[in-house]
Amino acid sequence: KKYNLKFHLDGARLWNASVASGIKVNEFASYFDSVSVCLSKGLGAPVGSIIAGSKEFINEAFRVRKALGGGMRQAGILAAAGLYALKNNIERLSEDHEKAKILAKHIVETGKFELINKDVETNIIIFKPLEKNIEEALAECKKHGLMLSIGQIGTLRSVTHLDVSFDQIHQACEIITKVFT
């Protein structure tokens, strides 16, 4: 405040943080001058984000969007999908968190991994194979239909979401057992 610095919250995963912590989104956002939230990550909308801030900030955002050609025509169908996601998919994020916890528990129980985020609270699991190299692990998992991504150096990353069922989580556990034990 002293130096008139503005703070922006990149809220791409804000909905997950809110559901996992029980802290309301507006509480998180209250410490910032502006916030953006994603409607596709976690909430399942095909595209879209929301930006919020002071009236002056929003007016400037509209001006910049127009200057850069960022407007869209007939975007109502996308807006409808975003509204649906907001109304129907926030509370169900706890299911994604539960799926991640199931998968993380299995990963630990194999004894073949180090779980990097020890307390899985949301829908992201970061783990490190103890015996296989990353490329080998990715290739073997992919052969069996399990897609993992490379995280930071030496780690694998798995993200549960709306389109991953509990049955698929159990299949992932079976694949991990087959590949790593």
C-alpha atoms as a PDB file:
ATOM      1  CA  LYS A   1       0.000   0.000   0.000  1.00  0.00           C
ATOM      2  CA  LYS A   2       2.824   2.378   0.932  1.00  0.00           C
ATOM      3  CA  TYR A   3       4.307   2.110  -2.585  1.00  0.00           C
ATOM      4  CA  ASN A   4       0.952   1.783  -4.366  1.00  0.00           C
ATOM      5  CA  LEU A   5       1.797  -1.758  -5.480  1.00  0.00           C
ATOM      6  CA  LYS A   6      -1.097  -3.881  -6.672  1.00  0.00           C
ATOM      7  CA  PHE A   7      -1.438  -7.559  -5.842  1.00  0.00           C
ATOM      8  CA  HIS A   8      -3.148  -9.986  -8.209  1.00  0.00           C
ATOM      9  CA  LEU A   9      -4.308 -13.485  -7.281  1.00  0.00           C
ATOM     10  CA  ASP A  10      -3.909 -16.027 -10.073  1.00  0.00           C
ATOM     11  CA  GLY A  11      -6.810 -18.153  -8.943  1.00  0.00           C
ATOM     12  CA  ALA A  12      -6.503 -20.966 -11.493  1.00  0.00           C
ATOM     13  CA  ARG A  13      -6.908 -23.460  -8.646  1.00  0.00           C
ATOM     14  CA  LEU A  14      -8.812 -21.211  -6.257  1.00  0.00           C
ATOM     15  CA  TRP A  15     -11.961 -23.348  -6.286  1.00  0.00           C
ATOM     16  CA  ASN A  16      -9.928 -26.416  -5.251  1.00  0.00           C
ATOM     17  CA  ALA A  17      -8.219 -24.475  -2.463  1.00  0.00           C
ATOM     18  CA  SER A  18     -11.561 -23.202  -1.193  1.00  0.00           C
ATOM     19  CA  VAL A  19     -13.251 -26.605  -1.158  1.00  0.00           C
ATOM     20  CA  ALA A  20     -10.241 -28.318   0.451  1.00  0.00           C
ATOM     21  CA  SER A  21      -9.701 -25.687   3.145  1.00  0.00           C
ATOM     22  CA  GLY A  22     -13.269 -24.602   3.829  1.00  0.00           C
ATOM     23  CA  ILE A  23     -12.171 -20.995   3.328  1.00  0.00           C
ATOM     24  CA  LYS A  24     -14.547 -19.072   1.070  1.00  0.00           C
ATOM     25  CA  VAL A  25     -13.269 -17.764  -2.248  1.00  0.00           C
ATOM     26  CA  ASN A  26     -14.055 -14.168  -1.273  1.00  0.00           C
ATOM     27  CA  GLU A  27     -11.920 -14.582   1.870  1.00  0.00           C
ATOM     28  CA  PHE A  28      -8.907 -15.643  -0.217  1.00  0.00           C
ATOM     29  CA  ALA A  29      -9.560 -12.836  -2.702  1.00  0.00           C
ATOM     30  CA  SER A  30      -9.994 -10.147  -0.037  1.00  0.00           C
ATOM     31  CA  TYR A  31      -6.211  -9.797   0.333  1.00  0.00           C
ATOM     32  CA  PHE A  32      -5.710  -8.886  -3.330  1.00  0.00           C
ATOM     33  CA  ASP A  33      -6.568  -5.990  -5.620  1.00  0.00           C
ATOM     34  CA  SER A  34      -7.663  -8.285  -8.432  1.00  0.00           C
ATOM     35  CA  VAL A  35      -8.266 -11.972  -9.009  1.00  0.00           C
ATOM     36  CA  SER A  36      -8.725 -14.241 -11.989  1.00  0.00           C
ATOM     37  CA  VAL A  37     -10.379 -17.637 -11.737  1.00  0.00           C
ATOM     38  CA  CYS A  38     -10.464 -20.417 -14.281  1.00  0.00           C
ATOM     39  CA  LEU A  39     -13.721 -22.093 -15.258  1.00  0.00           C
ATOM     40  CA  SER A  40     -12.127 -24.979 -17.133  1.00  0.00           C
ATOM     41  CA  LYS A  41      -9.514 -26.265 -14.649  1.00  0.00           C
ATOM     42  CA  GLY A  42     -11.449 -28.383 -12.229  1.00  0.00           C
ATOM     43  CA  LEU A  43     -14.892 -27.012 -13.026  1.00  0.00           C
ATOM     44  CA  GLY A  44     -15.159 -28.631 -16.440  1.00  0.00           C
ATOM     45  CA  ALA A  45     -16.228 -25.678 -18.590  1.00  0.00           C
ATOM     46  CA  PRO A  46     -14.807 -25.951 -22.120  1.00  0.00           C
ATOM     47  CA  VAL A  47     -13.090 -22.553 -21.811  1.00  0.00           C
ATOM     48  CA  GLY A  48     -13.312 -19.401 -19.789  1.00  0.00           C
ATOM     49  CA  SER A  49     -12.059 -17.332 -16.926  1.00  0.00           C
ATOM     50  CA  ILE A  50     -13.437 -14.585 -14.739  1.00  0.00           C
ATOM     51  CA  ILE A  51     -11.482 -11.531 -13.704  1.00  0.00           C
ATOM     52  CA  ALA A  52     -12.545  -9.350 -10.784  1.00  0.00           C
ATOM     53  CA  GLY A  53     -11.251  -6.136  -9.303  1.00  0.00           C
ATOM     54  CA  SER A  54     -12.090  -2.480  -8.848  1.00  0.00           C
ATOM     55  CA  LYS A  55     -14.289  -0.705 -11.388  1.00  0.00           C
ATOM     56  CA  GLU A  56     -11.232   1.139 -12.707  1.00  0.00           C
ATOM     57  CA  PHE A  57      -9.303  -2.111 -13.080  1.00  0.00           C
ATOM     58  CA  ILE A  58     -12.148  -3.807 -14.959  1.00  0.00           C
ATOM     59  CA  ASN A  59     -12.623  -0.789 -17.245  1.00  0.00           C
ATOM     60  CA  GLU A  60      -8.903  -0.878 -18.066  1.00  0.00           C
ATOM     61  CA  ALA A  61      -9.097  -4.647 -18.669  1.00  0.00           C
ATOM     62  CA  PHE A  62     -11.968  -4.087 -21.130  1.00  0.00           C
ATOM     63  CA  ARG A  63      -9.956  -1.381 -22.901  1.00  0.00           C
ATOM     64  CA  VAL A  64      -6.857  -3.565 -23.197  1.00  0.00           C
ATOM     65  CA  ARG A  65      -8.908  -6.561 -24.359  1.00  0.00           C
ATOM     66  CA  LYS A  66     -10.489  -4.472 -27.100  1.00  0.00           C
ATOM     67  CA  ALA A  67      -7.146  -2.939 -28.129  1.00  0.00           C
ATOM     68  CA  LEU A  68      -5.622  -6.409 -28.452  1.00  0.00           C
ATOM     69  CA  GLY A  69      -8.596  -7.847 -30.343  1.00  0.00           C
ATOM     70  CA  GLY A  70      -9.657 -10.143 -27.537  1.00  0.00           C
ATOM     71  CA  GLY A  71     -13.400  -9.830 -27.979  1.00  0.00           C
ATOM     72  CA  MET A  72     -15.593 -12.736 -29.046  1.00  0.00           C
ATOM     73  CA  ARG A  73     -18.838 -12.761 -30.978  1.00  0.00           C
ATOM     74  CA  GLN A  74     -21.762 -14.991 -30.028  1.00  0.00           C
ATOM     75  CA  ALA A  75     -19.995 -16.188 -26.892  1.00  0.00           C
ATOM     76  CA  GLY A  76     -23.272 -16.898 -25.082  1.00  0.00           C
ATOM     77  CA  ILE A  77     -22.973 -20.664 -25.470  1.00  0.00           C
ATOM     78  CA  LEU A  78     -19.574 -20.566 -23.772  1.00  0.00           C
ATOM     79  CA  ALA A  79     -20.931 -18.277 -21.067  1.00  0.00           C
ATOM     80  CA  ALA A  80     -23.769 -20.764 -20.492  1.00  0.00           C
ATOM     81  CA  ALA A  81     -21.237 -23.567 -20.016  1.00  0.00           C
ATOM     82  CA  GLY A  82     -19.325 -21.388 -17.552  1.00  0.00           C
ATOM     83  CA  LEU A  83     -22.478 -20.615 -15.580  1.00  0.00           C
ATOM     84  CA  TYR A  84     -23.360 -24.310 -15.490  1.00  0.00           C
ATOM     85  CA  ALA A  85     -19.875 -25.121 -14.161  1.00  0.00           C
ATOM     86  CA  LEU A  86     -20.183 -22.461 -11.447  1.00  0.00           C
ATOM     87  CA  LYS A  87     -23.608 -23.696 -10.355  1.00  0.00           C
ATOM     88  CA  ASN A  88     -22.930 -27.435 -10.517  1.00  0.00           C
ATOM     89  CA  ASN A  89     -19.257 -28.296 -10.293  1.00  0.00           C
ATOM     90  CA  ILE A  90     -17.722 -26.451  -7.351  1.00  0.00           C
ATOM     91  CA  GLU A  91     -18.955 -28.646  -4.495  1.00  0.00           C
ATOM     92  CA  ARG A  92     -18.143 -31.819  -6.427  1.00  0.00           C
ATOM     93  CA  LEU A  93     -14.441 -30.878  -6.389  1.00  0.00           C
ATOM     94  CA  SER A  94     -14.271 -32.751  -3.080  1.00  0.00           C
ATOM     95  CA  GLU A  95     -14.784 -35.942  -5.146  1.00  0.00           C
ATOM     96  CA  ASP A  96     -11.639 -35.114  -7.132  1.00  0.00           C
ATOM     97  CA  HIS A  97      -9.774 -34.607  -3.863  1.00  0.00           C
ATOM     98  CA  GLU A  98     -10.997 -37.976  -2.585  1.00  0.00           C
ATOM     99  CA  LYS A  99      -9.872 -39.682  -5.813  1.00  0.00           C
ATOM    100  CA  ALA A 100      -6.416 -38.137  -5.426  1.00  0.00           C
ATOM    101  CA  LYS A 101      -6.189 -39.361  -1.832  1.00  0.00           C
ATOM    102  CA  ILE A 102      -7.100 -42.910  -2.900  1.00  0.00           C
ATOM    103  CA  LEU A 103      -4.439 -42.876  -5.610  1.00  0.00           C
ATOM    104  CA  ALA A 104      -1.821 -41.310  -3.324  1.00  0.00           C
ATOM    105  CA  LYS A 105      -2.475 -43.912  -0.616  1.00  0.00           C
ATOM    106  CA  HIS A 106      -1.971 -46.695  -3.145  1.00  0.00           C
ATOM    107  CA  ILE A 107       1.199 -45.085  -4.491  1.00  0.00           C
ATOM    108  CA  VAL A 108       2.663 -44.989  -0.978  1.00  0.00           C
ATOM    109  CA  GLU A 109       1.566 -48.559  -0.198  1.00  0.00           C
ATOM    110  CA  THR A 110       3.544 -49.948  -3.157  1.00  0.00           C
ATOM    111  CA  GLY A 111       6.743 -48.880  -1.421  1.00  0.00           C
ATOM    112  CA  LYS A 112       8.129 -47.904  -4.830  1.00  0.00           C
ATOM    113  CA  PHE A 113       7.634 -44.147  -4.613  1.00  0.00           C
ATOM    114  CA  GLU A 114       8.376 -41.139  -2.511  1.00  0.00           C
ATOM    115  CA  LEU A 115       5.252 -39.007  -2.184  1.00  0.00           C
ATOM    116  CA  ILE A 116       6.425 -35.410  -2.532  1.00  0.00           C
ATOM    117  CA  ASN A 117       3.224 -33.699  -1.385  1.00  0.00           C
ATOM    118  CA  LYS A 118       2.857 -35.831   1.750  1.00  0.00           C
ATOM    119  CA  ASP A 119      -0.583 -34.515   2.666  1.00  0.00           C
ATOM    120  CA  VAL A 120      -2.602 -34.642  -0.546  1.00  0.00           C
ATOM    121  CA  GLU A 121      -5.299 -32.048   0.051  1.00  0.00           C
ATOM    122  CA  THR A 122      -6.625 -31.303  -3.423  1.00  0.00           C
ATOM    123  CA  ASN A 123      -6.480 -33.124  -6.750  1.00  0.00           C
ATOM    124  CA  ILE A 124      -2.743 -33.099  -7.491  1.00  0.00           C
ATOM    125  CA  ILE A 125      -0.349 -35.879  -6.548  1.00  0.00           C
ATOM    126  CA  ILE A 126       3.401 -35.427  -6.997  1.00  0.00           C
ATOM    127  CA  PHE A 127       5.554 -38.502  -6.549  1.00  0.00           C
ATOM    128  CA  LYS A 128       8.980 -39.826  -7.393  1.00  0.00           C
ATOM    129  CA  PRO A 129       9.813 -43.380  -8.475  1.00  0.00           C
ATOM    130  CA  LEU A 130      12.526 -44.841  -6.255  1.00  0.00           C
ATOM    131  CA  GLU A 131      13.829 -47.437  -8.723  1.00  0.00           C
ATOM    132  CA  LYS A 132      12.764 -46.611 -12.287  1.00  0.00           C
ATOM    133  CA  ASN A 133      13.727 -43.544 -14.265  1.00  0.00           C
ATOM    134  CA  ILE A 134      10.957 -41.120 -15.214  1.00  0.00           C
ATOM    135  CA  GLU A 135      10.914 -41.795 -18.969  1.00  0.00           C
ATOM    136  CA  GLU A 136      10.780 -45.554 -18.438  1.00  0.00           C
ATOM    137  CA  ALA A 137       7.967 -45.177 -15.895  1.00  0.00           C
ATOM    138  CA  LEU A 138       5.949 -42.891 -18.187  1.00  0.00           C
ATOM    139  CA  ALA A 139       6.340 -45.232 -21.161  1.00  0.00           C
ATOM    140  CA  GLU A 140       5.317 -48.321 -19.192  1.00  0.00           C
ATOM    141  CA  CYS A 141       2.295 -46.601 -17.665  1.00  0.00           C
ATOM    142  CA  LYS A 142       1.233 -45.241 -21.061  1.00  0.00           C
ATOM    143  CA  LYS A 143       1.413 -48.758 -22.568  1.00  0.00           C
ATOM    144  CA  HIS A 144      -1.185 -49.804 -20.003  1.00  0.00           C
ATOM    145  CA  GLY A 145      -3.409 -46.759 -20.588  1.00  0.00           C
ATOM    146  CA  LEU A 146      -2.334 -44.575 -17.658  1.00  0.00           C
ATOM    147  CA  MET A 147      -1.299 -41.034 -18.533  1.00  0.00           C
ATOM    148  CA  LEU A 148       1.002 -39.308 -16.074  1.00  0.00           C
ATOM    149  CA  SER A 149       2.960 -36.128 -16.637  1.00  0.00           C
ATOM    150  CA  ILE A 150       6.447 -35.107 -15.670  1.00  0.00           C
ATOM    151  CA  GLY A 151       6.467 -32.708 -12.762  1.00  0.00           C
ATOM    152  CA  GLN A 152       9.500 -30.890 -11.488  1.00  0.00           C
ATOM    153  CA  ILE A 153      12.853 -32.587 -11.914  1.00  0.00           C
ATOM    154  CA  GLY A 154      12.607 -36.286 -11.183  1.00  0.00           C
ATOM    155  CA  THR A 155       8.918 -36.377 -10.307  1.00  0.00           C
ATOM    156  CA  LEU A 156       5.677 -37.604 -11.794  1.00  0.00           C
ATOM    157  CA  ARG A 157       2.421 -35.714 -11.502  1.00  0.00           C
ATOM    158  CA  SER A 158      -1.146 -36.975 -11.547  1.00  0.00           C
ATOM    159  CA  VAL A 159      -4.212 -34.749 -11.537  1.00  0.00           C
ATOM    160  CA  THR A 160      -7.699 -36.065 -10.842  1.00  0.00           C
ATOM    161  CA  HIS A 161     -10.656 -34.219 -12.318  1.00  0.00           C
ATOM    162  CA  LEU A 162     -14.290 -34.301 -13.371  1.00  0.00           C
ATOM    163  CA  ASP A 163     -13.657 -36.735 -16.236  1.00  0.00           C
ATOM    164  CA  VAL A 164     -11.814 -39.326 -14.119  1.00  0.00           C
ATOM    165  CA  SER A 165     -14.155 -41.775 -12.389  1.00  0.00           C
ATOM    166  CA  PHE A 166     -13.545 -43.707  -9.183  1.00  0.00           C
ATOM    167  CA  ASP A 167     -13.378 -46.878 -11.326  1.00  0.00           C
ATOM    168  CA  GLN A 168     -10.602 -45.305 -13.378  1.00  0.00           C
ATOM    169  CA  ILE A 169      -8.721 -44.444 -10.190  1.00  0.00           C
ATOM    170  CA  HIS A 170      -8.882 -48.108  -9.172  1.00  0.00           C
ATOM    171  CA  GLN A 171      -7.664 -49.090 -12.665  1.00  0.00           C
ATOM    172  CA  ALA A 172      -4.777 -46.622 -12.270  1.00  0.00           C
ATOM    173  CA  CYS A 173      -3.895 -48.295  -8.961  1.00  0.00           C
ATOM    174  CA  GLU A 174      -3.838 -51.697 -10.713  1.00  0.00           C
ATOM    175  CA  ILE A 175      -1.602 -50.352 -13.489  1.00  0.00           C
ATOM    176  CA  ILE A 176       0.804 -48.810 -10.986  1.00  0.00           C
ATOM    177  CA  THR A 177       0.983 -52.131  -9.140  1.00  0.00           C
ATOM    178  CA  LYS A 178       1.603 -54.016 -12.408  1.00  0.00           C
ATOM    179  CA  VAL A 179       4.279 -51.606 -13.650  1.00  0.00           C
ATOM    180  CA  PHE A 180       6.150 -50.942 -10.424  1.00  0.00           C
ATOM    181  CA  THR A 181       5.917 -54.099  -8.300  1.00  0.00           C
END
